[in-house]
Protein backbone atom coordinates (compact mmCIF):
# COMPACT_ATOMS: atom_id res chain seq x y z
CA MET A 1 -39.55 47.44 29.38
CA ALA A 2 -38.86 49.40 32.13
CA ILE A 3 -39.29 52.80 33.11
CA PRO A 4 -36.28 55.14 32.77
CA ARG A 5 -35.10 56.60 35.81
CA ILE A 6 -36.76 59.81 36.14
CA SER A 7 -34.46 63.11 37.33
CA ARG A 8 -37.80 65.82 37.03
CA ILE A 9 -41.44 65.31 37.25
CA TYR A 10 -44.37 67.68 36.32
CA GLY A 11 -47.67 67.74 37.52
CA ALA A 12 -50.45 69.70 35.12
CA VAL A 13 -54.41 70.23 35.47
CA ASN A 14 -56.85 71.18 32.65
CA VAL A 15 -59.74 72.64 33.63
CA GLY A 16 -62.73 72.48 31.55
CA SER A 17 -66.17 72.45 31.74
CA PHE A 18 -67.05 69.01 30.61
CA ARG A 19 -63.65 67.38 32.58
CA ILE A 20 -61.08 68.11 34.79
CA SER A 21 -58.00 66.08 34.28
CA ALA A 22 -54.64 65.64 35.64
CA MET A 23 -51.28 64.16 34.06
CA ILE A 24 -48.01 63.93 35.95
CA MET A 25 -45.07 63.25 33.71
CA GLY A 26 -41.78 62.76 34.60
CA VAL A 27 -38.28 63.25 32.18
CA SER A 28 -36.07 60.99 32.54
CA GLU A 29 -31.85 61.46 32.80
CA THR A 30 -31.64 60.63 28.79
CA GLY A 31 -34.35 63.69 28.69
CA GLU A 32 -37.37 61.23 27.10
CA ASN A 33 -40.76 62.45 28.67
CA VAL A 34 -42.90 59.53 30.24
CA VAL A 35 -46.32 60.33 31.34
CA LEU A 36 -46.23 58.11 35.18
CA GLY A 37 -50.08 58.57 35.51
CA SER A 38 -52.96 60.28 34.48
CA GLY A 39 -56.64 60.92 35.75
CA HIS A 40 -60.19 62.48 34.93
CA ARG A 41 -63.43 63.46 36.37
CA ALA A 42 -66.37 65.53 35.45
CA SER A 43 -65.47 68.81 36.48
CA GLN A 44 -68.37 71.18 38.60
CA GLY A 45 -68.20 74.31 39.58
CA ILE A 46 -66.82 75.26 35.84
CA LYS A 47 -69.39 77.00 33.49
CA ARG A 48 -67.46 78.37 29.77
CA GLY A 49 -64.26 78.08 31.28
CA TYR A 50 -65.34 80.43 34.39
CA ILE A 51 -65.61 79.61 38.17
CA THR A 52 -68.92 79.48 39.08
CA ASP A 53 -68.84 77.63 42.49
CA MET A 54 -65.22 77.87 44.41
CA ALA A 55 -66.41 74.86 46.51
CA ALA A 56 -67.65 72.58 44.31
CA ALA A 57 -64.60 73.14 41.57
CA THR A 58 -61.62 72.25 44.06
CA TYR A 59 -63.63 69.36 45.05
CA ALA A 60 -63.16 68.50 41.73
CA ILE A 61 -59.62 69.40 41.05
CA ARG A 62 -58.26 67.93 43.99
CA ASP A 63 -60.34 64.44 42.82
CA ALA A 64 -58.60 64.57 39.66
CA VAL A 65 -55.08 65.40 40.74
CA GLU A 66 -55.60 62.21 43.49
CA ARG A 67 -56.36 60.01 40.80
CA ALA A 68 -53.50 60.83 38.79
CA GLU A 69 -51.22 60.26 41.86
CA LYS A 70 -52.74 57.12 42.39
CA ASN A 71 -51.54 56.28 38.94
CA ALA A 72 -48.33 57.31 38.86
CA GLY A 73 -47.30 56.23 42.71
CA THR A 74 -46.26 59.74 43.27
CA SER A 75 -47.53 62.57 44.78
CA VAL A 76 -47.08 66.52 43.12
CA SER A 77 -47.58 69.63 45.03
CA SER A 78 -47.38 71.87 41.99
CA VAL A 79 -48.99 72.09 39.05
CA TRP A 80 -49.37 73.37 35.13
CA VAL A 81 -52.88 75.14 34.83
CA GLY A 82 -54.79 74.97 31.90
CA CYS A 83 -57.05 78.14 30.96
CA ALA A 84 -60.31 78.05 28.36
CA GLY A 85 -61.82 81.07 29.62
CA ALA A 86 -61.46 84.35 30.88
CA GLY A 87 -61.80 86.33 28.12
CA LEU A 88 -58.51 85.23 26.87
CA LYS A 89 -56.50 87.95 23.91
CA SER A 90 -53.26 87.19 22.17
CA HIS A 91 -50.98 89.81 20.33
CA VAL A 92 -47.49 90.32 18.86
CA SER A 93 -45.13 93.20 20.36
CA LYS A 94 -42.18 94.36 17.96
CA VAL A 95 -39.11 96.39 19.77
CA GLU A 96 -35.75 96.76 18.24
CA ILE A 97 -32.84 98.45 19.53
CA ASP A 98 -29.49 100.12 17.88
CA VAL A 99 -25.96 97.97 18.25
CA GLY A 100 -24.06 99.74 15.96
CA GLY A 101 -22.62 96.83 13.72
CA ARG A 102 -20.61 95.49 16.39
CA ARG A 103 -20.73 91.46 17.76
CA ILE A 104 -24.27 91.19 19.44
CA GLU A 105 -23.22 89.75 23.35
CA GLU A 106 -26.04 88.17 26.13
CA ASP A 107 -25.63 91.78 27.40
CA ASP A 108 -27.47 93.17 24.74
CA ILE A 109 -29.84 90.42 24.08
CA GLU A 110 -31.16 90.77 27.57
CA HIS A 111 -31.37 94.36 27.61
CA LEU A 112 -33.37 94.28 23.97
CA LEU A 113 -35.97 91.80 26.27
CA LEU A 114 -35.66 94.19 28.98
CA ALA A 115 -36.67 97.12 26.58
CA ALA A 116 -39.51 94.79 25.16
CA ARG A 117 -40.86 93.84 28.69
CA ASP A 118 -41.23 97.63 29.75
CA MET A 119 -43.54 98.43 26.83
CA ILE A 120 -46.10 96.00 27.18
CA GLU A 121 -49.04 97.67 28.26
CA PRO A 122 -51.43 95.07 30.06
CA ASP A 123 -54.55 98.03 29.66
CA GLY A 124 -55.76 96.67 33.61
CA ARG A 125 -55.24 92.91 32.00
CA MET A 126 -53.49 89.90 33.40
CA MET A 127 -50.55 89.03 31.00
CA LEU A 128 -50.18 85.41 30.63
CA HIS A 129 -47.27 85.20 28.80
CA ALA A 130 -44.64 87.13 26.99
CA ARG A 131 -42.61 85.11 25.06
CA PRO A 132 -40.15 86.27 22.64
CA ALA A 133 -41.28 84.14 19.82
CA HIS A 134 -37.85 84.88 17.39
CA TYR A 135 -35.38 87.95 16.83
CA THR A 136 -34.44 89.67 13.60
CA LEU A 137 -30.91 91.57 12.28
CA ASP A 138 -31.73 94.76 10.35
CA GLY A 139 -35.23 93.79 9.67
CA ALA A 140 -34.44 90.23 8.71
CA HIS A 141 -37.15 87.58 10.36
CA GLY A 142 -36.65 83.71 11.69
CA VAL A 143 -33.39 84.18 13.70
CA ALA A 144 -33.64 82.11 16.60
CA ASN A 145 -29.91 83.08 18.50
CA PRO A 146 -28.80 85.77 17.21
CA LYS A 147 -25.90 85.89 19.76
CA GLY A 148 -22.40 86.20 17.44
CA LEU A 149 -23.78 87.53 14.69
CA HIS A 150 -23.54 91.59 13.62
CA ALA A 151 -26.49 93.58 12.98
CA GLU A 152 -26.90 97.77 12.67
CA ARG A 153 -30.53 96.76 14.41
CA LEU A 154 -31.46 94.35 17.02
CA GLY A 155 -35.14 93.03 17.02
CA VAL A 156 -37.63 91.04 18.38
CA ASP A 157 -41.02 89.73 18.44
CA VAL A 158 -42.99 88.90 21.78
CA HIS A 159 -46.22 86.83 21.70
CA VAL A 160 -48.23 88.10 24.51
CA MET A 161 -51.17 86.72 25.89
CA LEU A 162 -53.56 88.66 28.49
CA ALA A 163 -56.47 87.19 30.26
CA ASP A 164 -59.00 89.08 32.35
CA ALA A 165 -57.50 89.28 35.92
CA ALA A 166 -60.33 88.15 37.95
CA PRO A 167 -61.41 84.99 36.68
CA VAL A 168 -57.93 84.31 36.46
CA ARG A 169 -56.89 84.59 40.22
CA ASN A 170 -60.28 82.39 40.79
CA LEU A 171 -59.07 79.15 39.11
CA ILE A 172 -55.59 80.14 41.16
CA GLU A 173 -57.50 79.96 44.23
CA ALA A 174 -59.57 76.96 43.37
CA VAL A 175 -56.35 75.28 43.02
CA GLN A 176 -54.54 76.31 46.26
CA ASN A 177 -57.73 75.18 47.74
CA ALA A 178 -56.88 71.85 46.92
CA HIS A 179 -53.49 72.01 48.51
CA LEU A 180 -51.11 72.58 45.21
CA GLU A 181 -49.11 75.43 44.18
CA VAL A 182 -49.39 77.03 40.71
CA GLU A 183 -46.41 76.93 38.66
CA ALA A 184 -48.44 78.96 36.08
CA VAL A 185 -51.58 79.19 34.13
CA VAL A 186 -51.17 78.42 30.51
CA ALA A 187 -53.22 79.67 27.82
CA ALA A 188 -55.64 76.62 26.15
CA PRO A 189 -54.31 77.05 23.07
CA ILE A 190 -50.46 77.53 23.62
CA ALA A 191 -50.56 73.84 25.46
CA GLY A 192 -52.74 72.68 22.62
CA GLY A 193 -50.19 73.91 19.88
CA TYR A 194 -47.85 72.33 21.92
CA ALA A 195 -49.22 68.68 21.55
CA CYS A 196 -50.93 68.90 18.19
CA LEU A 197 -48.98 70.85 16.10
CA THR A 198 -45.46 70.10 14.40
CA PRO A 199 -43.07 72.70 13.86
CA GLU A 200 -43.87 73.41 10.80
CA GLU A 201 -47.22 73.83 10.62
CA ARG A 202 -46.92 76.82 12.83
CA GLU A 203 -44.20 77.99 11.06
CA LEU A 204 -46.48 78.21 7.16
CA GLY A 205 -49.82 78.80 8.73
CA THR A 206 -52.44 76.88 10.51
CA ALA A 207 -55.98 77.71 12.58
CA LEU A 208 -55.87 75.57 15.58
CA ILE A 209 -59.36 74.56 16.74
CA GLU A 210 -60.06 73.60 20.37
CA ILE A 211 -63.95 72.28 20.73
CA GLY A 212 -64.75 71.94 24.57
CA GLY A 213 -67.84 71.65 26.18
CA GLU A 214 -68.89 74.91 26.48
CA VAL A 215 -66.08 77.07 24.37
CA THR A 216 -64.30 77.02 20.88
CA ASN A 217 -61.47 78.78 20.71
CA ILE A 218 -59.65 79.53 17.88
CA SER A 219 -55.98 80.14 17.22
CA LEU A 220 -53.83 81.45 14.69
CA TYR A 221 -50.64 80.07 13.99
CA ALA A 222 -48.03 81.53 12.04
CA GLY A 223 -44.40 82.06 11.66
CA GLY A 224 -43.83 80.12 14.23
CA MET A 225 -45.34 81.67 16.54
CA LEU A 226 -49.43 82.05 17.98
CA LEU A 227 -50.86 85.24 16.37
CA ASP A 228 -54.44 85.80 16.81
CA LEU A 229 -56.91 84.12 19.37
CA THR A 230 -60.63 84.03 19.52
CA ALA A 231 -62.99 82.36 21.47
CA ILE A 232 -66.83 81.40 20.36
CA PRO A 233 -69.76 80.74 23.50
CA PHE A 234 -70.42 77.64 22.02
CA GLY A 235 -69.34 73.16 22.52
CA SER A 236 -69.77 70.65 22.45
CA ALA A 237 -72.24 70.10 25.33
CA ASP A 238 -74.74 72.37 23.24
CA ILE A 239 -74.63 69.63 20.59
CA THR A 240 -75.71 67.82 23.63
CA ASP A 241 -78.75 70.01 24.91
CA ALA A 242 -80.06 70.30 21.79
CA VAL A 243 -80.50 66.42 21.32
CA ALA A 244 -81.98 66.48 24.63
CA SER A 245 -84.42 69.16 23.93
CA ALA A 246 -85.29 67.51 20.39
CA PHE A 247 -85.50 64.32 21.93
CA GLY A 248 -87.32 64.78 25.53
CA ILE A 249 -84.83 63.01 26.91
CA ARG A 250 -82.15 63.65 29.92
CA ARG A 251 -78.78 64.75 29.36
CA PHE A 252 -76.77 62.12 30.28
CA GLN A 253 -79.07 59.66 27.43
CA ALA A 254 -78.36 62.76 24.84
CA GLU A 255 -74.91 62.37 25.16
CA ARG A 256 -74.48 59.16 25.05
CA LEU A 257 -76.55 58.46 22.13
CA LYS A 258 -74.38 61.87 20.48
CA CYS A 259 -70.86 59.74 21.57
CA VAL A 260 -71.83 55.91 20.24
CA SER A 261 -74.60 56.65 17.35
CA GLY A 262 -73.85 60.02 16.85
CA SER A 263 -72.69 61.27 13.60
CA ALA A 264 -71.68 64.81 11.47
CA ILE A 265 -71.84 62.54 8.38
CA ALA A 266 -75.69 61.48 7.37
CA SER A 267 -75.56 57.88 5.20
CA PRO A 268 -77.94 56.28 3.39
CA ASN A 269 -78.30 53.78 6.08
CA ASP A 270 -79.69 56.03 9.15
CA HIS A 271 -83.55 55.80 7.90
CA ARG A 272 -83.16 52.28 8.54
CA GLU A 273 -81.16 52.20 11.07
CA MET A 274 -82.94 52.36 14.64
CA ILE A 275 -81.21 53.21 18.23
CA PRO A 276 -82.39 52.64 21.55
CA VAL A 277 -82.30 55.61 23.93
CA ASN A 278 -81.68 53.65 27.18
CA GLY A 279 -78.45 52.37 27.71
CA PRO A 280 -76.94 49.25 29.63
CA GLY A 281 -77.50 50.99 32.56
CA ASP A 282 -80.59 52.59 32.13
CA ASP A 283 -83.80 50.83 33.95
CA GLY A 284 -86.30 51.74 31.37
CA SER A 285 -88.63 53.81 33.86
CA GLY A 286 -87.97 57.21 32.51
CA PRO A 287 -90.62 58.45 29.67
CA ALA A 288 -90.36 57.63 26.18
CA ALA A 289 -88.19 59.75 23.75
CA ARG A 290 -90.22 62.15 21.21
CA GLY A 291 -90.46 60.56 18.23
CA ALA A 292 -89.67 56.96 19.45
CA ASP A 293 -90.70 53.43 18.79
CA ASP A 294 -92.64 50.80 21.21
CA ARG A 295 -88.94 50.24 22.54
CA ASN A 296 -88.29 53.48 23.12
CA ARG A 297 -86.15 53.72 19.91
CA ILE A 298 -85.33 56.81 17.51
CA PRO A 299 -83.91 56.75 13.63
CA ARG A 300 -80.71 57.60 13.38
CA ALA A 301 -81.68 60.07 11.06
CA GLU A 302 -83.18 61.77 13.66
CA LEU A 303 -80.33 62.33 15.68
CA VAL A 304 -77.93 62.93 12.87
CA SER A 305 -80.21 66.13 11.61
CA VAL A 306 -79.81 67.48 15.09
CA VAL A 307 -76.53 66.78 15.08
CA THR A 308 -75.00 68.39 11.99
CA GLU A 309 -78.20 71.18 12.70
CA GLN A 310 -75.86 72.71 15.38
CA LEU A 311 -72.25 71.77 13.53
CA SER A 312 -73.68 74.52 10.67
CA ARG A 313 -74.36 76.85 13.55
CA LEU A 314 -70.39 76.21 14.43
CA THR A 315 -68.49 76.38 11.45
CA ASP A 316 -70.47 79.48 10.04
CA ASP A 317 -69.12 80.50 13.47
CA ILE A 318 -65.79 79.37 13.12
CA GLY A 319 -65.59 80.53 9.29
CA ARG A 320 -66.58 84.20 10.52
CA ALA A 321 -63.60 84.01 13.00
CA LEU A 322 -61.25 82.49 10.44
CA LYS A 323 -61.76 85.35 7.87
CA GLY A 324 -61.95 88.33 10.54
CA MET A 325 -58.62 86.54 11.77
CA GLY A 326 -57.15 86.83 8.37
CA PHE A 327 -56.62 83.84 7.87
CA SER A 328 -56.14 83.15 3.92
CA ALA A 329 -53.88 81.14 2.02
CA ALA A 330 -50.86 83.79 2.00
CA ARG A 331 -50.84 82.46 5.98
CA GLY A 332 -51.64 79.09 5.44
CA SER A 333 -54.82 77.16 4.94
CA GLN A 334 -54.49 73.83 7.32
CA VAL A 335 -57.42 73.46 10.29
CA VAL A 336 -56.55 71.40 12.97
CA LEU A 337 -59.58 70.06 15.14
CA THR A 338 -58.88 69.15 18.85
CA GLY A 339 -60.70 68.71 21.83
CA GLY A 340 -63.21 66.63 23.40
CA GLY A 341 -65.60 67.83 20.70
CA ALA A 342 -63.52 67.11 17.72
CA GLU A 343 -64.13 63.66 18.97
CA LEU A 344 -67.60 63.18 16.93
CA ALA A 345 -67.20 60.52 13.97
CA GLY A 346 -67.05 62.38 10.92
CA ILE A 347 -66.56 66.18 12.17
CA ALA A 348 -63.60 66.14 10.15
CA ASP A 349 -64.86 65.60 6.39
CA PHE A 350 -67.39 67.89 7.54
CA THR A 351 -65.59 70.87 8.69
CA GLN A 352 -63.94 70.03 6.00
CA SER A 353 -66.69 70.47 3.80
CA ALA A 354 -67.85 73.68 5.32
CA LEU A 355 -64.28 75.73 5.25
CA GLY A 356 -63.15 74.02 2.29
CA ARG A 357 -60.09 74.09 3.46
CA PRO A 358 -57.82 70.39 4.76
CA VAL A 359 -58.49 70.03 8.54
CA ARG A 360 -57.33 66.89 10.73
CA ILE A 361 -57.72 65.95 13.89
CA GLY A 362 -55.32 66.89 17.14
CA LYS A 363 -54.56 64.49 18.75
CA SER A 364 -52.25 63.88 21.95
CA PRO A 365 -48.21 63.78 20.87
CA THR A 366 -47.15 59.64 21.27
CA LEU A 367 -46.15 60.13 24.93
CA ARG A 368 -44.01 56.79 26.73
CA GLY A 369 -46.81 55.60 29.29
CA LEU A 370 -49.78 57.09 27.92
CA PRO A 371 -52.71 55.49 28.43
CA GLU A 372 -54.43 54.75 25.05
CA ALA A 373 -57.70 56.18 26.33
CA HIS A 374 -55.69 59.74 27.76
CA SER A 375 -54.21 59.54 23.94
CA THR A 376 -57.52 61.08 22.23
CA ALA A 377 -57.99 64.63 21.16
CA GLY A 378 -60.24 65.10 24.26
CA PHE A 379 -56.34 65.09 26.54
CA ALA A 380 -54.53 66.84 23.77
CA THR A 381 -54.23 69.55 25.74
CA LEU A 382 -53.56 68.28 29.21
CA ALA A 383 -51.11 66.60 27.07
CA GLY A 384 -49.38 70.01 26.18
CA LEU A 385 -49.19 71.50 29.67
CA CYS A 386 -46.72 68.62 30.37
CA LEU A 387 -44.70 69.15 27.35
CA TYR A 388 -44.82 73.38 27.85
CA ALA A 389 -43.33 72.34 31.21
CA ALA A 390 -41.05 70.46 30.64
CA ASP A 391 -39.77 72.62 28.12
CA ASP A 392 -39.91 75.71 30.40
CA PRO A 393 -39.85 78.06 27.30
CA VAL A 394 -38.62 81.68 28.52
CA ASP A 395 -41.01 84.84 29.54
CA ILE A 396 -38.73 88.14 29.25
CA ARG A 397 -40.96 88.50 32.54
CA SER A 398 -38.49 86.23 34.12
CA VAL A 399 -36.00 88.47 32.51
CA GLY A 400 -33.90 91.19 35.66
CA LYS A 401 -37.07 92.16 38.28
CA SER A 402 -39.62 90.07 38.62
CA TYR A 403 -42.75 91.74 36.37
CA GLN A 404 -46.21 91.10 35.93
CA PRO A 405 -48.56 94.23 36.19
CA SER A 406 -52.16 93.72 35.79
CA VAL A 407 -53.29 97.65 35.75
CA ARG A 408 -53.29 100.58 34.02
CA TYR A 409 -50.60 103.43 34.53
CA SER A 410 -51.27 107.24 34.77
CA GLY A 411 -50.41 110.23 36.56
CA ILE A 412 -47.76 109.93 39.54
CA THR A 413 -48.26 105.96 38.68
CA ALA A 414 -46.46 106.49 35.15
CA VAL A 415 -44.06 109.24 35.77
CA ASN A 416 -42.20 106.87 39.32
CA ARG A 417 -42.46 103.97 36.46
CA LEU A 418 -40.27 106.32 34.08
CA PHE A 419 -37.72 107.24 36.72
CA THR A 420 -37.52 103.40 37.86
CA ALA A 421 -37.08 102.94 34.10
CA LEU A 422 -34.23 106.03 34.24
CA LYS A 423 -32.24 104.52 36.63
CA GLU A 424 -32.54 101.12 35.58
CA TYR A 425 -31.20 100.96 32.42
CA PHE A 426 -28.91 104.26 33.25
């Protein structure tokens, strides 16, 4: 089937600790999202979500984008960038104004959003998102668009996402050094929610757990919005390192063993199955693995034991985090795993047993042109970035004057800010 005529094109880059991936998506004249091309490469210059080597990170970003451009047969000059580190924090701000029982007009909604914008205090951090989740009429929730309705008081719940300013600026600079403009920096949990969660799951209550290479982000959705977020400095690369250490082998060998023969669920045949440490491309000249036989093979049971030990540590941390976030039956019980770490065989069953909650794997949605290799959990956030760009959700900072503070206000600055607000509103 021929590709429909494309009216708009979006580029996205997901900068992870394990891989850097890029995607170019077009929106057809009929509104269909079409993946034109995608590409990825091993990450460089990134450690636990932070830029640690500007030159290496810039090269890796440029390389990933060029691979996507080659597959798409077109180029992009600007991209939406995913951010999984930088100390992400999320909260919800509630604002109300008096409308006196009359019919709500567009000006009332704009005045409400301006008031909400002015009340947000970044407290020295950078604001990535400030999105109206839903409106309230006299305290009644769940109003998508209040225009034309009557109420005494009009309110809005605004979802705010903050990040440490310096790491985000480093990320932006790395992308700009790769000769690309940054449309926006999008928190990875928000992009993951776009890709992996249904509207019902976001409404009823779901914990989205993205297991990255070196960071696991846990975000709690309820009432249609992201309510809370926390990060654990542990990811799939830590499991790889544990395998490498346990058997005295190189990281690339441990990564292959984990992906090809590793599992989160043990089976009775594991003790009888011997798996080769050396892959098809290895010359076999390296040292033998610890505990290996004369053909450099190890029992699969020992590999599974190392993997499950590390997963137990991770799920213990996840369980404590969910408890601290108040994730209970009243807020829903569904858990969705995504990220490259979620591709490990049996991890959904292991996590379900450990947490005592239903667990499923969240993958990239079905998109026209999306390669099968990129339809996995490891590329869900990348697809979510493109979907976020196409959706172009309302951000209250775009209402009226441009506004993105990342400093604390005090003294004469606070007084000047007050007078500016008085002149603007009155």
